[in-house]
Amino acid sequence: MRALILAPFSTPHIERLRAHIDVLHESWLESRRLWDPAELGERLAAEDIGALVIEADFAFAELFDAAPGLRFVGVCRNALNQVDVEAATAAGVAVTHAPGRNTKAVAEMTLAAMFALARRIPEAHHLVSGGGWRDPAMGYRDLRGREIAGSTIGVIGFGQIGREVSRLCIALGARVLACDPIVPARQIEALGVTPAALDAVAAQSDFVTLHVPDIDETRHMVDAAFLVKMRPDAYLINTGAGGAVDARALADALAARRIAGAALDVFEGQPLPASSPLMSAPNLLLTPHVGGATAESVERHSAIIAGEIERFIDGRPLEHLVNPDYKLARVR
C-alpha cells in the first residue's frame, strides 16, 4: 500500500511508516495547495494510493468515487467536517482522526489571551514601543490590570479543551463555571468545576471563553442578547468556533464599552476580511487562528495517525476509528 500525506507531519514518523510502505509527503503548508476532491481522487487512483492523510483538504463523495483503491483516510484533527464519513463508509474506506492533538496548545492559547487582556499587555507594548512612556508611574496609573487568581472563569463547551482550560484556571486560583448541555453535571463537578446555565455564565464571569464545535446549534450563540448579560468589566475569548460569535454584535458591544474587551483567534470568515466590523473595534485582540499551531501538535497528530496506519496495515483494530461499518461495504 502507498500513502499520500498532505498534512504537516514529523520526519521521524514519516520514516517510521517508510519501514512498511511507500510514503509521499506533500504538506499543504508547503505546497500552499488544497486539492479539489475529484481531482485528488483521480490522482489517488492514478498513483495507486491506498492511504490518504489530510489536515486541511477535503474527502467528499466525489473523491471516493474517483479512487476505488483507497482504503484508509486519516484526519489530523479531532473534527471530521472535512470528510463525508457516510460516503467513506459506503466505499469501504476506514476513517480515523487525531483527538486531543491540539488540546494543550489551544488551552494555553486561551490562557495567553486571558493574560494579555487581564494585564493589558498589547497596550503596554505599544506604549513603550511607540515612545509614549515618559512618566515612570504611567503604567501603574493608566494600565492597571487584574489577576486571574480569584476571578470567575466561564467555560462554554466542556470537551477536551474546555476541561484543560478549566484545569489550568483552577491551578491559577480561579473559580470555574462550565456550561455544556451534553456533559452530565457530575462529570463537571468531578473536576472541581461548577455546572451553570448559559445566562449564569454570561452574568457571573470575569472571563467567558468559548470551546464549542462549529455547528448550526452554536452559530451566534454569543449575540447582542448574550453580551448585554455580561458584566461591563468582563472579557470574552474565542479560540473555538468562529461562527459562535456575532461579529457585528461584538463590535457594537466593544464600541459601547458594554464589555471590557475580547480576544478572538477564530472567525466566521477566514482570513478576516478588511470590511469586518471587528477591524475597527476597540479593546479587541485578534490572532490568525494559531491556537493549535505548535510543533507539539504536529508531533501528536503524526504519532497518532502513523500508529493508526500501522495498525491498519497489520489488520489490528484502529484506536480512533469513526466508521466501523466500513467493513460491511467490503464484504458485499
Protein backbone atom coordinates (compact mmCIF):
# COMPACT_ATOMS: atom_id res chain seq x y z
CA MET A 1 0.00 0.00 0.00
CA ARG A 2 1.14 3.54 -0.78
CA ALA A 3 0.32 6.54 1.39
CA LEU A 4 -0.05 10.20 0.49
CA ILE A 5 0.30 12.62 3.41
CA LEU A 6 -0.98 16.12 2.65
CA ALA A 7 -0.59 17.36 6.23
CA PRO A 8 2.40 18.69 8.15
CA PHE A 9 3.98 15.54 9.59
CA SER A 10 7.05 14.95 11.69
CA THR A 11 10.02 13.39 9.90
CA PRO A 12 10.60 10.58 12.43
CA HIS A 13 7.04 9.33 11.93
CA ILE A 14 7.34 9.52 8.15
CA GLU A 15 10.49 7.40 8.36
CA ARG A 16 8.69 5.06 10.76
CA LEU A 17 6.00 4.49 8.12
CA ARG A 18 8.50 4.12 5.30
CA ALA A 19 9.77 0.99 7.01
CA HIS A 20 6.45 -0.58 5.99
CA ILE A 21 5.09 1.26 2.94
CA ASP A 22 5.90 3.83 0.27
CA VAL A 23 5.08 7.32 1.61
CA LEU A 24 4.67 10.56 -0.33
CA HIS A 25 4.68 13.68 1.83
CA GLU A 26 3.34 16.97 0.43
CA SER A 27 2.24 19.22 3.27
CA TRP A 28 -0.38 21.73 2.23
CA LEU A 29 1.53 24.34 4.22
CA GLU A 30 4.49 23.90 1.88
CA SER A 31 2.61 23.41 -1.39
CA ARG A 32 0.01 26.04 -0.42
CA ARG A 33 -2.50 23.95 -2.29
CA LEU A 34 -5.81 22.44 -1.29
CA TRP A 35 -6.95 19.80 -3.76
CA ASP A 36 -10.30 19.67 -5.49
CA PRO A 37 -11.75 16.39 -4.12
CA ALA A 38 -12.48 14.92 -7.56
CA GLU A 39 -9.00 15.79 -8.85
CA LEU A 40 -7.43 14.37 -5.72
CA GLY A 41 -9.42 11.18 -6.19
CA GLU A 42 -8.14 10.86 -9.75
CA ARG A 43 -4.58 11.29 -8.52
CA LEU A 44 -5.05 8.65 -5.83
CA ALA A 45 -6.31 6.20 -8.45
CA ALA A 46 -3.54 7.00 -10.94
CA GLU A 47 -0.81 6.61 -8.32
CA ASP A 48 -2.33 3.59 -6.58
CA ILE A 49 -2.67 5.38 -3.22
CA GLY A 50 -4.37 3.27 -0.56
CA ALA A 51 -3.97 5.59 2.43
CA LEU A 52 -4.62 9.33 2.49
CA VAL A 53 -3.72 11.65 5.37
CA ILE A 54 -5.21 15.16 5.41
CA GLU A 55 -5.40 18.19 7.66
CA ALA A 56 -6.97 20.94 5.54
CA ASP A 57 -8.03 19.06 2.38
CA PHE A 58 -11.49 17.59 1.86
CA ALA A 59 -12.52 13.98 1.33
CA PHE A 60 -16.03 14.09 -0.13
CA ALA A 61 -18.07 11.60 -2.12
CA GLU A 62 -16.50 12.54 -5.46
CA LEU A 63 -13.07 11.64 -4.08
CA PHE A 64 -14.21 8.18 -3.04
CA ASP A 65 -15.98 7.68 -6.36
CA ALA A 66 -12.77 8.51 -8.26
CA ALA A 67 -10.45 6.42 -6.06
CA PRO A 68 -11.79 2.86 -5.75
CA GLY A 69 -8.44 1.67 -4.43
CA LEU A 70 -8.48 3.98 -1.40
CA ARG A 71 -8.78 2.06 1.87
CA PHE A 72 -7.83 4.48 4.64
CA VAL A 73 -8.28 8.20 5.43
CA GLY A 74 -6.55 9.72 8.42
CA VAL A 75 -7.61 13.21 9.53
CA CYS A 76 -5.00 15.12 11.54
CA ARG A 77 -7.71 16.84 13.55
CA ASN A 78 -10.39 15.97 16.04
CA ALA A 79 -13.20 17.45 13.91
CA LEU A 80 -14.47 15.43 10.95
CA ASN A 81 -16.34 18.11 8.99
CA GLN A 82 -13.84 17.78 6.13
CA VAL A 83 -14.83 14.17 5.46
CA ASP A 84 -18.07 12.71 4.15
CA VAL A 85 -17.98 9.81 6.59
CA GLU A 86 -21.15 8.28 5.16
CA ALA A 87 -19.65 8.23 1.66
CA ALA A 88 -16.42 6.78 3.01
CA THR A 89 -18.32 4.02 4.78
CA ALA A 90 -20.28 3.17 1.63
CA ALA A 91 -16.97 2.99 -0.27
CA GLY A 92 -15.42 0.69 2.32
CA VAL A 93 -12.87 3.27 3.46
CA ALA A 94 -11.79 3.40 7.11
CA VAL A 95 -11.77 6.91 8.58
CA THR A 96 -9.77 7.77 11.66
CA HIS A 97 -8.72 11.02 13.30
CA ALA A 98 -6.45 12.57 15.95
CA PRO A 99 -8.48 13.57 19.01
CA GLY A 100 -6.61 15.66 21.54
CA ARG A 101 -3.78 16.57 19.19
CA ASN A 102 -4.01 20.30 19.96
CA THR A 103 -5.81 20.28 23.32
CA LYS A 104 -2.86 21.64 25.27
CA ALA A 105 -1.94 24.12 22.54
CA VAL A 106 -5.41 25.70 22.35
CA ALA A 107 -5.83 25.68 26.12
CA GLU A 108 -2.52 27.50 26.52
CA MET A 109 -3.50 29.96 23.78
CA THR A 110 -6.70 30.65 25.69
CA LEU A 111 -4.72 31.37 28.85
CA ALA A 112 -2.32 33.56 26.86
CA ALA A 113 -5.25 35.63 25.58
CA MET A 114 -6.67 35.81 29.09
CA PHE A 115 -3.38 37.11 30.49
CA ALA A 116 -2.95 39.57 27.62
CA LEU A 117 -6.39 41.03 28.27
CA ALA A 118 -6.16 40.97 32.06
CA ARG A 119 -2.76 42.65 32.18
CA ARG A 120 -3.31 44.85 29.10
CA ILE A 121 -0.12 43.57 27.51
CA PRO A 122 -0.76 44.77 23.92
CA GLU A 123 -1.48 48.31 25.19
CA ALA A 124 1.63 48.26 27.37
CA HIS A 125 3.78 47.12 24.46
CA HIS A 126 2.51 49.85 22.15
CA LEU A 127 3.02 52.47 24.84
CA VAL A 128 6.70 51.58 25.21
CA SER A 129 7.49 50.75 21.56
CA GLY A 130 5.71 53.87 20.37
CA GLY A 131 7.81 56.12 22.58
CA GLY A 132 4.89 57.18 24.74
CA TRP A 133 6.29 56.04 28.08
CA ARG A 134 7.66 59.21 29.65
CA ASP A 135 6.26 59.09 33.18
CA PRO A 136 7.63 56.22 35.35
CA ALA A 137 4.26 55.92 37.11
CA MET A 138 2.25 55.86 33.90
CA GLY A 139 1.87 52.08 33.80
CA TYR A 140 0.59 51.91 37.37
CA ARG A 141 -1.82 54.78 36.78
CA ASP A 142 -3.16 54.01 33.29
CA LEU A 143 -2.54 50.29 32.72
CA ARG A 144 -3.55 48.70 35.98
CA GLY A 145 -4.77 45.15 35.27
CA ARG A 146 -6.36 42.32 37.17
CA GLU A 147 -5.31 38.85 38.28
CA ILE A 148 -6.67 35.52 37.12
CA ALA A 149 -6.44 34.23 40.68
CA GLY A 150 -9.73 34.99 42.40
CA SER A 151 -11.53 35.60 39.11
CA THR A 152 -14.54 33.66 37.86
CA ILE A 153 -13.96 31.95 34.53
CA GLY A 154 -16.96 30.88 32.46
CA VAL A 155 -16.19 27.95 30.15
CA ILE A 156 -18.74 27.28 27.42
CA GLY A 157 -18.18 23.82 25.99
CA PHE A 158 -16.70 21.19 28.29
CA GLY A 159 -14.92 18.91 25.85
CA GLN A 160 -11.22 18.12 25.99
CA ILE A 161 -10.10 21.73 25.51
CA GLY A 162 -12.70 23.20 27.84
CA ARG A 163 -11.62 20.75 30.54
CA GLU A 164 -7.95 21.57 30.08
CA VAL A 165 -8.68 25.30 30.27
CA SER A 166 -10.65 24.66 33.46
CA ARG A 167 -7.80 22.67 34.96
CA LEU A 168 -5.29 25.43 34.22
CA CYS A 169 -7.56 28.16 35.58
CA ILE A 170 -8.22 26.24 38.78
CA ALA A 171 -4.46 25.79 39.20
CA LEU A 172 -4.13 29.58 38.98
CA GLY A 173 -6.67 30.02 41.77
CA ALA A 174 -9.75 30.89 39.73
CA ARG A 175 -13.32 29.72 40.21
CA VAL A 176 -14.66 28.00 37.09
CA LEU A 177 -18.23 27.76 35.83
CA ALA A 178 -18.99 25.46 32.91
CA CYS A 179 -21.93 25.26 30.54
CA ASP A 180 -22.36 22.18 28.37
CA PRO A 181 -25.81 20.64 27.83
CA ILE A 182 -24.29 17.31 26.78
CA VAL A 183 -21.90 16.67 29.66
CA PRO A 184 -23.52 15.36 32.87
CA ALA A 185 -23.23 17.69 35.86
CA ARG A 186 -21.45 15.03 37.91
CA GLN A 187 -18.61 14.89 35.36
CA ILE A 188 -18.20 18.65 35.53
CA GLU A 189 -18.26 18.67 39.31
CA ALA A 190 -15.73 15.82 39.47
CA LEU A 191 -13.12 18.24 38.07
CA GLY A 192 -13.86 20.91 40.68
CA VAL A 193 -15.98 22.96 38.27
CA THR A 194 -19.48 24.31 38.90
CA PRO A 195 -22.13 23.50 36.27
CA ALA A 196 -24.06 26.58 35.17
CA ALA A 197 -26.65 27.68 32.64
CA LEU A 198 -25.58 29.88 29.74
CA ASP A 199 -27.16 33.01 31.20
CA ALA A 200 -25.42 32.43 34.53
CA VAL A 201 -22.06 32.08 32.81
CA ALA A 202 -22.64 35.38 30.99
CA ALA A 203 -23.75 37.24 34.11
CA GLN A 204 -21.26 35.91 36.65
CA SER A 205 -17.98 35.52 34.78
CA ASP A 206 -14.99 37.84 34.68
CA PHE A 207 -13.81 35.94 31.59
CA VAL A 208 -16.05 33.96 29.23
CA THR A 209 -14.19 31.50 26.99
CA LEU A 210 -15.75 29.53 24.13
CA HIS A 211 -14.84 25.92 23.31
CA VAL A 212 -17.80 24.72 21.28
CA PRO A 213 -17.93 22.96 17.89
CA ASP A 214 -18.69 24.97 14.76
CA ILE A 215 -22.20 23.65 14.10
CA ASP A 216 -25.62 25.17 13.42
CA GLU A 217 -26.61 24.90 17.08
CA THR A 218 -23.71 27.11 18.21
CA ARG A 219 -23.89 29.76 15.48
CA HIS A 220 -24.09 33.24 17.02
CA MET A 221 -24.67 31.84 20.48
CA VAL A 222 -22.79 34.96 21.59
CA ASP A 223 -25.10 37.61 20.21
CA ALA A 224 -26.32 41.02 21.37
CA ALA A 225 -28.62 39.43 23.97
CA PHE A 226 -25.74 37.39 25.44
CA LEU A 227 -23.36 40.35 25.50
CA VAL A 228 -25.90 42.51 27.34
CA LYS A 229 -25.91 39.93 30.13
CA MET A 230 -22.12 40.12 30.54
CA ARG A 231 -20.59 42.41 33.12
CA PRO A 232 -19.05 45.68 31.85
CA ASP A 233 -15.67 44.68 33.34
CA ALA A 234 -15.73 41.19 31.77
CA TYR A 235 -13.82 39.81 28.80
CA LEU A 236 -14.77 37.40 26.00
CA ILE A 237 -12.32 34.90 24.48
CA ASN A 238 -12.99 32.65 21.50
CA THR A 239 -10.47 30.02 20.43
CA GLY A 240 -13.17 27.54 19.44
CA ALA A 241 -15.77 28.11 16.72
CA GLY A 242 -15.63 31.28 14.65
CA GLY A 243 -19.35 31.14 13.93
CA ALA A 244 -20.22 31.14 17.63
CA VAL A 245 -19.75 34.92 17.87
CA ASP A 246 -21.90 37.50 16.08
CA ALA A 247 -19.15 39.85 14.88
CA ARG A 248 -21.43 42.87 14.45
CA ALA A 249 -22.89 42.45 17.93
CA LEU A 250 -19.44 42.10 19.49
CA ALA A 251 -18.07 45.13 17.67
CA ASP A 252 -21.06 47.18 18.87
CA ALA A 253 -20.65 45.97 22.45
CA LEU A 254 -16.97 46.87 22.46
CA ALA A 255 -17.60 50.29 20.93
CA ALA A 256 -20.25 51.00 23.56
CA ARG A 257 -17.95 49.69 26.34
CA ARG A 258 -20.62 47.19 27.36
CA ILE A 259 -17.79 44.70 27.98
CA ALA A 260 -14.15 45.41 28.82
CA GLY A 261 -12.57 43.64 25.89
CA ALA A 262 -12.28 40.48 23.83
CA ALA A 263 -9.75 38.18 22.16
CA LEU A 264 -10.57 36.18 19.03
CA ASP A 265 -8.44 33.53 17.34
CA VAL A 266 -11.23 32.20 15.07
CA PHE A 267 -13.71 33.96 12.82
CA GLU A 268 -16.80 33.27 10.76
CA GLY A 269 -14.85 34.06 7.60
CA GLN A 270 -11.12 33.31 7.43
CA PRO A 271 -8.95 35.21 6.73
CA LEU A 272 -10.86 38.04 8.40
CA PRO A 273 -11.90 40.48 5.64
CA ALA A 274 -10.87 44.12 5.86
CA SER A 275 -14.58 45.02 5.80
CA SER A 276 -15.28 43.18 9.06
CA PRO A 277 -16.62 45.43 11.85
CA LEU A 278 -14.09 43.73 14.11
CA MET A 279 -11.24 45.51 12.34
CA SER A 280 -12.09 48.83 13.94
CA ALA A 281 -13.44 47.59 17.26
CA PRO A 282 -11.65 48.88 20.39
CA ASN A 283 -10.15 46.71 23.13
CA LEU A 284 -10.00 43.71 20.83
CA LEU A 285 -7.08 41.30 20.41
CA LEU A 286 -7.07 39.47 17.06
CA THR A 287 -4.87 36.49 16.14
CA PRO A 288 -4.91 34.48 12.86
CA HIS A 289 -6.24 31.09 14.06
CA VAL A 290 -2.97 29.99 15.65
CA GLY A 291 -4.39 28.30 18.75
CA GLY A 292 -3.27 24.84 17.64
CA ALA A 293 -0.15 25.97 15.79
CA THR A 294 2.60 24.34 17.83
CA ALA A 295 5.32 21.86 16.99
CA GLU A 296 3.92 19.59 19.68
CA SER A 297 0.50 19.47 17.98
CA VAL A 298 2.14 18.24 14.76
CA GLU A 299 4.14 15.66 16.71
CA ARG A 300 0.99 14.39 18.43
CA HIS A 301 -1.12 14.00 15.29
CA SER A 302 1.84 12.44 13.47
CA ALA A 303 2.24 9.84 16.20
CA ILE A 304 -1.50 9.12 16.32
CA ILE A 305 -2.02 8.76 12.57
CA ALA A 306 1.21 6.82 12.00
CA GLY A 307 0.09 4.37 14.66
CA GLU A 308 -3.32 4.04 13.02
CA ILE A 309 -1.74 3.33 9.61
CA GLU A 310 0.48 0.65 11.15
CA ARG A 311 -2.50 -0.97 12.84
CA PHE A 312 -4.46 -0.85 9.58
CA ILE A 313 -1.62 -2.50 7.67
CA ASP A 314 -1.35 -5.23 10.30
CA GLY A 315 -5.09 -5.83 10.41
CA ARG A 316 -5.37 -4.70 14.03
CA PRO A 317 -8.26 -2.61 15.40
CA LEU A 318 -7.89 1.14 14.94
CA GLU A 319 -7.92 3.14 18.16
CA HIS A 320 -9.75 6.17 16.72
CA LEU A 321 -11.91 4.61 14.01
CA VAL A 322 -15.09 6.64 13.43
CA ASN A 323 -16.92 4.35 10.97
CA PRO A 324 -16.64 0.69 11.97
CA ASP A 325 -19.35 -0.19 9.43
CA TYR A 326 -16.90 0.47 6.59
CA LYS A 327 -16.06 -3.23 6.68
CA LEU A 328 -19.60 -4.15 5.62
CA ALA A 329 -19.09 -2.50 2.22
CA ARG A 330 -16.07 -4.71 1.62
CA VAL A 331 -17.98 -7.95 2.12
CA ARG A 332 -20.99 -7.07 -0.05
